[in-house]
Amino acid sequence: MTATRINFVPVADGFMIVPLCEEAASLKGRFAGRVARPISLAAMEQAIAAEAAESHASDQATP
């Protein structure tokens, strides 16, 4: 598959060209090993609710 759009990502010694159009299959394995075990939906919902509550509290504190 040929990319028609690219993105220039800054790196230490210049820029890296990254195609913006990739097939979903090319993502396989990119995120493997990032967590010790899968996170449950309940844990995700709890984390989202906690962040939303914190964000809402900080919005309320700002005059």
C-alpha atoms as a PDB file:
ATOM      1  CA  MET A   1       0.000   0.000   0.000  1.00  0.00           C
ATOM      2  CA  THR A   2       1.373   3.396  -0.932  1.00  0.00           C
ATOM      3  CA  ALA A   3       0.909   6.281   1.462  1.00  0.00           C
ATOM      4  CA  THR A   4      -0.324   9.496  -0.076  1.00  0.00           C
ATOM      5  CA  ARG A   5       0.159  11.561   3.078  1.00  0.00           C
ATOM      6  CA  ILE A   6       3.184  11.698   5.343  1.00  0.00           C
ATOM      7  CA  ASN A   7       4.017  13.259   8.674  1.00  0.00           C
ATOM      8  CA  PHE A   8       7.392  14.684   9.700  1.00  0.00           C
ATOM      9  CA  VAL A   9       8.139  13.587  13.269  1.00  0.00           C
ATOM     10  CA  PRO A  10      10.974  15.386  15.088  1.00  0.00           C
ATOM     11  CA  VAL A  11      13.758  13.102  16.338  1.00  0.00           C
ATOM     12  CA  ALA A  12      17.108  13.845  17.984  1.00  0.00           C
ATOM     13  CA  ASP A  13      19.024  14.354  14.743  1.00  0.00           C
ATOM     14  CA  GLY A  14      16.328  15.859  12.499  1.00  0.00           C
ATOM     15  CA  PHE A  15      13.016  14.505  11.291  1.00  0.00           C
ATOM     16  CA  MET A  16      11.624  11.079  10.517  1.00  0.00           C
ATOM     17  CA  ILE A  17       9.070  10.657   7.721  1.00  0.00           C
ATOM     18  CA  VAL A  18       6.075   8.594   8.820  1.00  0.00           C
ATOM     19  CA  PRO A  19       3.294   7.499   6.441  1.00  0.00           C
ATOM     20  CA  LEU A  20      -0.160   8.409   7.749  1.00  0.00           C
ATOM     21  CA  CYS A  21      -1.995   5.666   5.880  1.00  0.00           C
ATOM     22  CA  GLU A  22      -1.215   2.173   7.121  1.00  0.00           C
ATOM     23  CA  GLU A  23      -3.149  -1.027   7.090  1.00  0.00           C
ATOM     24  CA  ALA A  24      -4.470  -2.099  10.489  1.00  0.00           C
ATOM     25  CA  ALA A  25      -2.617  -5.403  10.148  1.00  0.00           C
ATOM     26  CA  SER A  26       0.688  -3.508  10.275  1.00  0.00           C
ATOM     27  CA  LEU A  27      -0.038  -2.549  13.898  1.00  0.00           C
ATOM     28  CA  LYS A  28       0.029  -6.163  15.087  1.00  0.00           C
ATOM     29  CA  GLY A  29       2.601  -6.652  17.839  1.00  0.00           C
ATOM     30  CA  ARG A  30       3.524  -2.977  18.266  1.00  0.00           C
ATOM     31  CA  PHE A  31       2.043  -2.774  21.726  1.00  0.00           C
ATOM     32  CA  ALA A  32       2.891  -6.264  22.936  1.00  0.00           C
ATOM     33  CA  GLY A  33       4.582  -6.459  26.324  1.00  0.00           C
ATOM     34  CA  ARG A  34       3.625  -2.957  27.452  1.00  0.00           C
ATOM     35  CA  VAL A  35       1.506  -4.220  30.352  1.00  0.00           C
ATOM     36  CA  ALA A  36       2.070  -7.179  32.624  1.00  0.00           C
ATOM     37  CA  ARG A  37      -1.505  -8.385  32.191  1.00  0.00           C
ATOM     38  CA  PRO A  38      -4.637  -7.218  30.374  1.00  0.00           C
ATOM     39  CA  ILE A  39      -6.671  -4.524  32.094  1.00  0.00           C
ATOM     40  CA  SER A  40     -10.325  -5.301  32.809  1.00  0.00           C
ATOM     41  CA  LEU A  41     -13.150  -3.113  31.522  1.00  0.00           C
ATOM     42  CA  ALA A  42     -14.120  -2.350  35.123  1.00  0.00           C
ATOM     43  CA  ALA A  43     -10.597  -1.066  35.849  1.00  0.00           C
ATOM     44  CA  MET A  44     -10.682   1.076  32.695  1.00  0.00           C
ATOM     45  CA  GLU A  45     -14.057   2.545  33.623  1.00  0.00           C
ATOM     46  CA  GLN A  46     -12.811   3.285  37.149  1.00  0.00           C
ATOM     47  CA  ALA A  47      -9.711   5.052  35.812  1.00  0.00           C
ATOM     48  CA  ILE A  48     -11.771   7.100  33.352  1.00  0.00           C
ATOM     49  CA  ALA A  49     -14.226   8.100  36.081  1.00  0.00           C
ATOM     50  CA  ALA A  50     -11.396   9.111  38.425  1.00  0.00           C
ATOM     51  CA  GLU A  51      -9.720  11.265  35.751  1.00  0.00           C
ATOM     52  CA  ALA A  52     -13.050  12.840  34.777  1.00  0.00           C
ATOM     53  CA  ALA A  53     -13.808  13.667  38.419  1.00  0.00           C
ATOM     54  CA  GLU A  54     -10.340  15.192  38.868  1.00  0.00           C
ATOM     55  CA  SER A  55     -10.696  17.218  35.664  1.00  0.00           C
ATOM     56  CA  HIS A  56     -14.165  18.414  36.684  1.00  0.00           C
ATOM     57  CA  ALA A  57     -12.911  19.402  40.160  1.00  0.00           C
ATOM     58  CA  SER A  58     -10.044  21.436  38.669  1.00  0.00           C
ATOM     59  CA  ASP A  59     -12.480  23.134  36.264  1.00  0.00           C
ATOM     60  CA  GLN A  60     -14.690  24.113  39.195  1.00  0.00           C
ATOM     61  CA  ALA A  61     -11.729  25.514  41.165  1.00  0.00           C
ATOM     62  CA  THR A  62     -10.729  27.872  38.335  1.00  0.00           C
ATOM     63  CA  PRO A  63     -12.494  31.250  38.711  1.00  0.00           C
END
